[in-house]
């Protein structure tokens, strides 16, 4: 039995709030648009994305808290 790896499709900077979504057509992260407004955050921020040890890329497996 092989597990399927599921990459994240959205990420948000923990420092400035910039939100990106994965664009499958361009195979690249793009800035998210919500209510007609681009979620750019701070253009000078060195982004700290919220994808960490709590993210589980294996489909069907429960998430494990990294702090446990």
PDB file of N, CA and C in Angstrom:
ATOM      1  N   UNK A   1       0.845  -1.175   0.000  1.00  0.00           N
ATOM      2  CA  UNK A   1       0.000   0.000   0.000  1.00  0.00           C
ATOM      3  C   UNK A   1       0.893   1.242   0.000  1.00  0.00           C
ATOM      4  N   UNK A   2       0.631   2.144  -0.924  1.00  0.00           N
ATOM      5  CA  UNK A   2       1.404   3.381  -0.973  1.00  0.00           C
ATOM      6  C   UNK A   2       0.511   4.552  -0.597  1.00  0.00           C
ATOM      7  N   UNK A   3       1.101   5.473   0.127  1.00  0.00           N
ATOM      8  CA  UNK A   3       0.372   6.674   0.517  1.00  0.00           C
ATOM      9  C   UNK A   3       0.594   7.754  -0.528  1.00  0.00           C
ATOM     10  N   UNK A   4      -0.459   8.530  -0.774  1.00  0.00           N
ATOM     11  CA  UNK A   4      -0.347   9.627  -1.732  1.00  0.00           C
ATOM     12  C   UNK A   4       0.053  10.905  -0.999  1.00  0.00           C
ATOM     13  N   UNK A   5       1.079  11.579  -1.509  1.00  0.00           N
ATOM     14  CA  UNK A   5       1.535  12.841  -0.936  1.00  0.00           C
ATOM     15  C   UNK A   5       0.677  13.963  -1.518  1.00  0.00           C
ATOM     16  N   UNK A   6       0.105  14.772  -0.643  1.00  0.00           N
ATOM     17  CA  UNK A   6      -0.754  15.880  -1.051  1.00  0.00           C
ATOM     18  C   UNK A   6      -0.081  17.189  -0.626  1.00  0.00           C
ATOM     19  N   UNK A   7       0.466  17.927  -1.584  1.00  0.00           N
ATOM     20  CA  UNK A   7       1.123  19.189  -1.230  1.00  0.00           C
ATOM     21  C   UNK A   7       0.098  20.248  -0.822  1.00  0.00           C
ATOM     22  N   UNK A   8       0.532  21.263  -0.088  1.00  0.00           N
ATOM     23  CA  UNK A   8      -0.401  22.325   0.295  1.00  0.00           C
ATOM     24  C   UNK A   8      -0.868  23.105  -0.933  1.00  0.00           C
ATOM     25  N   UNK A   9      -2.068  23.670  -0.862  1.00  0.00           N
ATOM     26  CA  UNK A   9      -2.601  24.468  -1.965  1.00  0.00           C
ATOM     27  C   UNK A   9      -2.762  25.930  -1.571  1.00  0.00           C
ATOM     28  N   UNK A  10      -2.530  26.223  -0.298  1.00  0.00           N
ATOM     29  CA  UNK A  10      -2.626  27.599   0.187  1.00  0.00           C
ATOM     30  C   UNK A  10      -1.604  27.785   1.296  1.00  0.00           C
ATOM     31  N   UNK A  11      -1.071  28.999   1.383  1.00  0.00           N
ATOM     32  CA  UNK A  11      -0.144  29.317   2.470  1.00  0.00           C
ATOM     33  C   UNK A  11      -0.343  30.775   2.866  1.00  0.00           C
ATOM     34  N   UNK A  12      -0.061  31.068   4.136  1.00  0.00           N
ATOM     35  CA  UNK A  12      -0.203  32.433   4.624  1.00  0.00           C
ATOM     36  C   UNK A  12       1.007  32.778   5.471  1.00  0.00           C
ATOM     37  N   UNK A  13       1.528  33.987   5.279  1.00  0.00           N
ATOM     38  CA  UNK A  13       2.673  34.447   6.049  1.00  0.00           C
ATOM     39  C   UNK A  13       2.218  34.743   7.475  1.00  0.00           C
ATOM     40  N   UNK A  14       2.914  34.180   8.449  1.00  0.00           N
ATOM     41  CA  UNK A  14       2.572  34.397   9.848  1.00  0.00           C
ATOM     42  C   UNK A  14       2.967  35.792  10.326  1.00  0.00           C
ATOM     43  N   UNK A  15       3.809  36.490   9.578  1.00  0.00           N
ATOM     44  CA  UNK A  15       4.270  37.814   9.996  1.00  0.00           C
ATOM     45  C   UNK A  15       3.422  38.946   9.432  1.00  0.00           C
ATOM     46  N   UNK A  16       3.091  38.895   8.131  1.00  0.00           N
ATOM     47  CA  UNK A  16       2.397  40.037   7.507  1.00  0.00           C
ATOM     48  C   UNK A  16       1.023  39.693   6.947  1.00  0.00           C
ATOM     49  N   UNK A  17       0.661  38.417   6.915  1.00  0.00           N
ATOM     50  CA  UNK A  17      -0.661  38.027   6.453  1.00  0.00           C
ATOM     51  C   UNK A  17      -0.803  37.784   4.962  1.00  0.00           C
ATOM     52  N   UNK A  18       0.285  37.918   4.190  1.00  0.00           N
ATOM     53  CA  UNK A  18       0.190  37.629   2.747  1.00  0.00           C
ATOM     54  C   UNK A  18      -0.336  36.216   2.556  1.00  0.00           C
ATOM     55  N   UNK A  19      -1.259  36.061   1.618  1.00  0.00           N
ATOM     56  CA  UNK A  19      -1.835  34.753   1.332  1.00  0.00           C
ATOM     57  C   UNK A  19      -1.559  34.395  -0.120  1.00  0.00           C
ATOM     58  N   UNK A  20      -1.030  33.193  -0.335  1.00  0.00           N
ATOM     59  CA  UNK A  20      -0.761  32.676  -1.676  1.00  0.00           C
ATOM     60  C   UNK A  20      -1.560  31.414  -1.893  1.00  0.00           C
ATOM     61  N   UNK A  21      -1.894  31.153  -3.150  1.00  0.00           N
ATOM     62  CA  UNK A  21      -2.543  29.900  -3.544  1.00  0.00           C
ATOM     63  C   UNK A  21      -1.722  29.266  -4.663  1.00  0.00           C
ATOM     64  N   UNK A  22      -1.717  27.948  -4.708  1.00  0.00           N
ATOM     65  CA  UNK A  22      -1.002  27.217  -5.740  1.00  0.00           C
ATOM     66  C   UNK A  22      -1.812  27.245  -7.025  1.00  0.00           C
ATOM     67  N   UNK A  23      -1.177  27.676  -8.127  1.00  0.00           N
ATOM     68  CA  UNK A  23      -1.814  27.704  -9.440  1.00  0.00           C
ATOM     69  C   UNK A  23      -1.312  26.496 -10.225  1.00  0.00           C
ATOM     70  N   UNK A  24      -2.170  25.521 -10.410  1.00  0.00           N
ATOM     71  CA  UNK A  24      -1.780  24.286 -11.098  1.00  0.00           C
ATOM     72  C   UNK A  24      -1.428  24.525 -12.559  1.00  0.00           C
ATOM     73  N   UNK A  25      -2.042  25.529 -13.187  1.00  0.00           N
ATOM     74  CA  UNK A  25      -1.758  25.813 -14.594  1.00  0.00           C
ATOM     75  C   UNK A  25      -0.337  26.320 -14.793  1.00  0.00           C
ATOM     76  N   UNK A  26       0.117  27.212 -13.908  1.00  0.00           N
ATOM     77  CA  UNK A  26       1.466  27.779 -14.045  1.00  0.00           C
ATOM     78  C   UNK A  26       2.498  27.046 -13.195  1.00  0.00           C
ATOM     79  N   UNK A  27       2.010  26.105 -12.342  1.00  0.00           N
ATOM     80  CA  UNK A  27       2.883  25.364 -11.436  1.00  0.00           C
ATOM     81  C   UNK A  27       3.700  26.320 -10.561  1.00  0.00           C
ATOM     82  N   UNK A  28       2.988  27.289  -9.966  1.00  0.00           N
ATOM     83  CA  UNK A  28       3.642  28.323  -9.179  1.00  0.00           C
ATOM     84  C   UNK A  28       2.679  28.873  -8.135  1.00  0.00           C
ATOM     85  N   UNK A  29       3.232  29.453  -7.066  1.00  0.00           N
ATOM     86  CA  UNK A  29       2.418  30.156  -6.080  1.00  0.00           C
ATOM     87  C   UNK A  29       2.038  31.513  -6.642  1.00  0.00           C
ATOM     88  N   UNK A  30       0.773  31.924  -6.437  1.00  0.00           N
ATOM     89  CA  UNK A  30       0.299  33.239  -6.856  1.00  0.00           C
ATOM     90  C   UNK A  30      -0.383  33.907  -5.666  1.00  0.00           C
ATOM     91  N   UNK A  31      -0.354  35.230  -5.644  1.00  0.00           N
ATOM     92  CA  UNK A  31      -0.982  35.972  -4.561  1.00  0.00           C
ATOM     93  C   UNK A  31      -2.493  35.774  -4.646  1.00  0.00           C
ATOM     94  N   UNK A  32      -3.082  35.430  -3.519  1.00  0.00           N
ATOM     95  CA  UNK A  32      -4.524  35.193  -3.466  1.00  0.00           C
ATOM     96  C   UNK A  32      -5.294  36.501  -3.626  1.00  0.00           C
ATOM     97  N   UNK A  33      -6.487  36.381  -4.195  1.00  0.00           N
ATOM     98  CA  UNK A  33      -7.402  37.520  -4.328  1.00  0.00           C
ATOM     99  C   UNK A  33      -8.661  37.171  -3.547  1.00  0.00           C
ATOM    100  N   UNK A  34      -9.023  38.035  -2.600  1.00  0.00           N
ATOM    101  CA  UNK A  34     -10.237  37.843  -1.811  1.00  0.00           C
ATOM    102  C   UNK A  34     -11.061  39.120  -1.869  1.00  0.00           C
ATOM    103  N   UNK A  35     -12.319  38.986  -2.231  1.00  0.00           N
ATOM    104  CA  UNK A  35     -13.225  40.140  -2.378  1.00  0.00           C
ATOM    105  C   UNK A  35     -12.629  41.202  -3.308  1.00  0.00           C
ATOM    106  N   UNK A  36     -11.956  40.762  -4.370  1.00  0.00           N
ATOM    107  CA  UNK A  36     -11.377  41.666  -5.355  1.00  0.00           C
ATOM    108  C   UNK A  36     -10.075  42.324  -4.930  1.00  0.00           C
ATOM    109  N   UNK A  37      -9.548  41.959  -3.765  1.00  0.00           N
ATOM    110  CA  UNK A  37      -8.318  42.579  -3.254  1.00  0.00           C
ATOM    111  C   UNK A  37      -7.200  41.542  -3.143  1.00  0.00           C
ATOM    112  N   UNK A  38      -6.039  41.876  -3.716  1.00  0.00           N
ATOM    113  CA  UNK A  38      -4.880  40.979  -3.628  1.00  0.00           C
ATOM    114  C   UNK A  38      -4.350  40.983  -2.200  1.00  0.00           C
ATOM    115  N   UNK A  39      -4.082  39.811  -1.660  1.00  0.00           N
ATOM    116  CA  UNK A  39      -3.633  39.641  -0.282  1.00  0.00           C
ATOM    117  C   UNK A  39      -2.110  39.680  -0.218  1.00  0.00           C
ATOM    118  N   UNK A  40      -1.538  40.872  -0.508  1.00  0.00           N
ATOM    119  CA  UNK A  40      -0.090  40.998  -0.676  1.00  0.00           C
ATOM    120  C   UNK A  40       0.695  41.105   0.623  1.00  0.00           C
ATOM    121  N   UNK A  41       0.062  41.509   1.706  1.00  0.00           N
ATOM    122  CA  UNK A  41       0.807  41.680   2.953  1.00  0.00           C
ATOM    123  C   UNK A  41       1.819  42.804   2.811  1.00  0.00           C
ATOM    124  N   UNK A  42       2.982  42.642   3.406  1.00  0.00           N
ATOM    125  CA  UNK A  42       4.049  43.639   3.361  1.00  0.00           C
ATOM    126  C   UNK A  42       5.072  43.218   2.311  1.00  0.00           C
ATOM    127  N   UNK A  43       5.266  44.054   1.292  1.00  0.00           N
ATOM    128  CA  UNK A  43       6.170  43.675   0.194  1.00  0.00           C
ATOM    129  C   UNK A  43       7.629  43.553   0.636  1.00  0.00           C
ATOM    130  N   UNK A  44       7.985  44.084   1.805  1.00  0.00           N
ATOM    131  CA  UNK A  44       9.363  43.999   2.302  1.00  0.00           C
ATOM    132  C   UNK A  44       9.561  42.869   3.311  1.00  0.00           C
ATOM    133  N   UNK A  45       8.502  42.122   3.589  1.00  0.00           N
ATOM    134  CA  UNK A  45       8.559  41.033   4.567  1.00  0.00           C
ATOM    135  C   UNK A  45       9.354  39.847   4.013  1.00  0.00           C
ATOM    136  N   UNK A  46      10.134  39.230   4.877  1.00  0.00           N
ATOM    137  CA  UNK A  46      10.754  37.942   4.548  1.00  0.00           C
ATOM    138  C   UNK A  46       9.781  36.913   5.109  1.00  0.00           C
ATOM    139  N   UNK A  47       8.936  36.376   4.243  1.00  0.00           N
ATOM    140  CA  UNK A  47       7.765  35.611   4.661  1.00  0.00           C
ATOM    141  C   UNK A  47       8.108  34.359   5.451  1.00  0.00           C
ATOM    142  N   UNK A  48       7.325  34.154   6.492  1.00  0.00           N
ATOM    143  CA  UNK A  48       7.389  32.957   7.332  1.00  0.00           C
ATOM    144  C   UNK A  48       6.075  32.224   7.097  1.00  0.00           C
ATOM    145  N   UNK A  49       6.096  31.248   6.172  1.00  0.00           N
ATOM    146  CA  UNK A  49       4.867  30.566   5.771  1.00  0.00           C
ATOM    147  C   UNK A  49       4.379  29.638   6.863  1.00  0.00           C
ATOM    148  N   UNK A  50       3.062  29.477   6.948  1.00  0.00           N
ATOM    149  CA  UNK A  50       2.429  28.695   8.003  1.00  0.00           C
ATOM    150  C   UNK A  50       2.416  27.193   7.725  1.00  0.00           C
ATOM    151  N   UNK A  51       3.286  26.720   6.860  1.00  0.00           N
ATOM    152  CA  UNK A  51       3.394  25.287   6.589  1.00  0.00           C
ATOM    153  C   UNK A  51       4.523  24.785   7.484  1.00  0.00           C
ATOM    154  N   UNK A  52       4.156  23.988   8.493  1.00  0.00           N
ATOM    155  CA  UNK A  52       5.126  23.587   9.504  1.00  0.00           C
ATOM    156  C   UNK A  52       4.926  22.125   9.872  1.00  0.00           C
ATOM    157  N   UNK A  53       5.396  21.736  11.002  1.00  0.00           N
ATOM    158  CA  UNK A  53       5.317  20.345  11.428  1.00  0.00           C
ATOM    159  C   UNK A  53       3.907  19.841  11.662  1.00  0.00           C
ATOM    160  N   UNK A  54       2.923  20.717  11.776  1.00  0.00           N
ATOM    161  CA  UNK A  54       1.543  20.279  11.958  1.00  0.00           C
ATOM    162  C   UNK A  54       0.868  19.949  10.627  1.00  0.00           C
ATOM    163  N   UNK A  55       1.471  20.378   9.504  1.00  0.00           N
ATOM    164  CA  UNK A  55       0.902  20.058   8.191  1.00  0.00           C
ATOM    165  C   UNK A  55       1.215  18.609   7.861  1.00  0.00           C
ATOM    166  N   UNK A  56       0.205  17.849   7.467  1.00  0.00           N
ATOM    167  CA  UNK A  56       0.407  16.444   7.138  1.00  0.00           C
ATOM    168  C   UNK A  56       0.158  16.236   5.650  1.00  0.00           C
ATOM    169  N   UNK A  57       1.202  15.951   4.877  1.00  0.00           N
ATOM    170  CA  UNK A  57       1.042  15.801   3.434  1.00  0.00           C
ATOM    171  C   UNK A  57       0.564  14.421   2.980  1.00  0.00           C
ATOM    172  N   UNK A  58       0.281  13.520   3.922  1.00  0.00           N
ATOM    173  CA  UNK A  58      -0.144  12.177   3.539  1.00  0.00           C
ATOM    174  C   UNK A  58      -1.659  12.090   3.651  1.00  0.00           C
ATOM    175  N   UNK A  59      -2.299  11.903   2.511  1.00  0.00           N
ATOM    176  CA  UNK A  59      -3.755  11.870   2.443  1.00  0.00           C
ATOM    177  C   UNK A  59      -4.323  10.731   3.283  1.00  0.00           C
ATOM    178  N   UNK A  60      -5.366  11.059   4.055  1.00  0.00           N
ATOM    179  CA  UNK A  60      -6.042  10.046   4.847  1.00  0.00           C
ATOM    180  C   UNK A  60      -5.413   9.767   6.189  1.00  0.00           C
ATOM    181  N   UNK A  61      -4.284  10.365   6.509  1.00  0.00           N
ATOM    182  CA  UNK A  61      -3.640  10.164   7.800  1.00  0.00           C
ATOM    183  C   UNK A  61      -4.001  11.337   8.712  1.00  0.00           C
ATOM    184  N   UNK A  62      -4.207  11.077   9.998  1.00  0.00           N
ATOM    185  CA  UNK A  62      -4.529  12.187  10.904  1.00  0.00           C
ATOM    186  C   UNK A  62      -3.333  13.110  11.083  1.00  0.00           C
ATOM    187  N   UNK A  63      -3.615  14.404  11.297  1.00  0.00           N
ATOM    188  CA  UNK A  63      -2.552  15.365  11.581  1.00  0.00           C
ATOM    189  C   UNK A  63      -2.002  15.085  12.972  1.00  0.00           C
ATOM    190  N   UNK A  64      -0.701  15.248  13.106  1.00  0.00           N
ATOM    191  CA  UNK A  64      -0.047  15.060  14.391  1.00  0.00           C
ATOM    192  C   UNK A  64       0.460  16.402  14.858  1.00  0.00           C
ATOM    193  N   UNK A  65       0.160  16.766  16.082  1.00  0.00           N
ATOM    194  CA  UNK A  65       0.619  18.037  16.630  1.00  0.00           C
ATOM    195  C   UNK A  65       2.121  17.949  16.844  1.00  0.00           C
ATOM    196  N   UNK A  66       2.868  18.885  16.245  1.00  0.00           N
ATOM    197  CA  UNK A  66       4.331  18.889  16.312  1.00  0.00           C
ATOM    198  C   UNK A  66       4.824  19.120  17.736  1.00  0.00           C
ATOM    199  N   UNK A  67       3.985  19.734  18.592  1.00  0.00           N
ATOM    200  CA  UNK A  67       4.394  20.029  19.955  1.00  0.00           C
ATOM    201  C   UNK A  67       4.191  18.856  20.902  1.00  0.00           C
ATOM    202  N   UNK A  68       3.503  17.829  20.436  1.00  0.00           N
ATOM    203  CA  UNK A  68       3.195  16.688  21.324  1.00  0.00           C
ATOM    204  C   UNK A  68       4.382  15.776  21.484  1.00  0.00           C
TER     205      UNK A  68
END
